[in-house]
Protein backbone atom coordinates (compact mmCIF):
# COMPACT_ATOMS: atom_id res chain seq x y z
CA MET A 1 7.00 12.05 -1.19
CA VAL A 2 6.68 10.32 -4.08
CA MET A 3 6.15 6.59 -4.20
CA GLU A 4 6.41 3.46 -6.48
CA ALA A 5 4.91 0.77 -7.04
CA LEU A 6 5.00 -2.52 -8.65
CA LEU A 7 2.00 -4.75 -8.87
CA VAL A 8 3.63 -8.38 -7.91
CA SER A 9 -0.10 -10.67 -7.25
CA MET A 10 -3.15 -9.52 -8.53
CA HIS A 11 -6.60 -12.42 -8.25
CA GLY A 12 -10.74 -10.75 -9.11
CA GLU A 13 -10.36 -7.49 -7.53
CA GLN A 14 -6.88 -7.73 -4.79
CA TYR A 15 -4.52 -5.90 -6.22
CA LEU A 16 -0.70 -7.00 -4.23
CA PHE A 17 2.04 -4.04 -4.67
CA GLU A 18 5.67 -3.77 -3.34
CA ARG A 19 5.72 0.43 -3.40
CA ASN A 20 8.77 2.21 -2.25
CA SER A 21 9.69 5.88 -1.63
CA ASN A 22 13.39 7.57 -2.04
CA GLY A 23 12.97 10.55 -0.05
CA HIS A 24 13.64 13.98 1.97
CA GLY A 25 16.73 12.03 3.53
CA SER A 26 14.76 8.26 3.53
CA LYS A 27 14.75 4.95 2.20
CA LEU A 28 10.26 3.65 2.30
CA PHE A 29 8.86 0.36 1.90
CA GLU A 30 6.10 -1.98 1.70
CA CYS A 31 3.88 -4.10 1.01
CA SER A 32 -0.46 -3.49 0.84
CA LEU A 33 -3.36 -4.97 -0.45
CA TRP A 34 -5.86 -3.12 -1.78
CA THR A 35 -8.92 -4.45 -2.59
CA PHE A 36 -12.24 -3.58 -3.36
CA PRO A 37 -15.47 -4.82 -1.98
CA LYS A 38 -18.32 -2.49 -3.27
CA PRO A 39 -18.96 -0.33 -6.04
CA GLY A 40 -17.12 2.92 -4.68
CA ILE A 41 -15.26 1.41 -1.78
CA MET A 42 -10.99 1.06 -1.78
CA LYS A 43 -9.31 -1.50 0.57
CA HIS A 44 -5.73 -0.16 1.49
CA THR A 45 -4.71 -3.27 3.75
CA ILE A 46 -0.38 -1.70 4.30
CA SER A 47 1.12 -5.21 5.85
CA ARG A 48 4.55 -5.11 6.33
CA ARG A 49 6.27 -1.32 5.92
CA SER A 50 10.10 -0.84 6.62
CA ALA A 51 11.58 2.76 7.25
CA ASN A 52 15.69 3.30 6.34
CA GLY A 53 16.19 -1.17 5.72
CA ILE A 54 14.17 -1.03 9.72
CA PRO A 55 10.62 -3.50 9.91
CA VAL A 56 8.08 -0.53 11.86
CA PRO A 57 5.58 -2.17 13.44
CA CYS A 58 2.13 -2.10 11.12
CA LYS A 59 -0.89 -3.56 10.35
CA GLU A 60 -2.27 -0.66 9.14
CA THR A 61 -6.01 -0.14 6.95
CA ASN A 62 -7.67 3.01 4.54
CA ILE A 63 -11.09 2.29 3.40
CA MET A 64 -11.69 5.33 1.07
CA GLN A 65 -14.83 6.23 -0.89
CA ARG A 66 -15.35 7.26 -4.06
CA ILE A 67 -16.53 11.03 -3.67
CA LYS A 68 -18.60 12.55 -6.60
């Protein structure tokens, strides 16, 4: 699946994206906030998601660490 992203807003180290995908017979949409609380750490929080236009409950946060 390939997702397209639109940067909606940014403030300091916070980036708000709207992301969508049309693949595998379905449509996916989500709003997500990317923050960088420490060097080498990215926090990705999904605040809203829908699949085929139907809201999907989610309050998901993923924390990623850069590996050297």
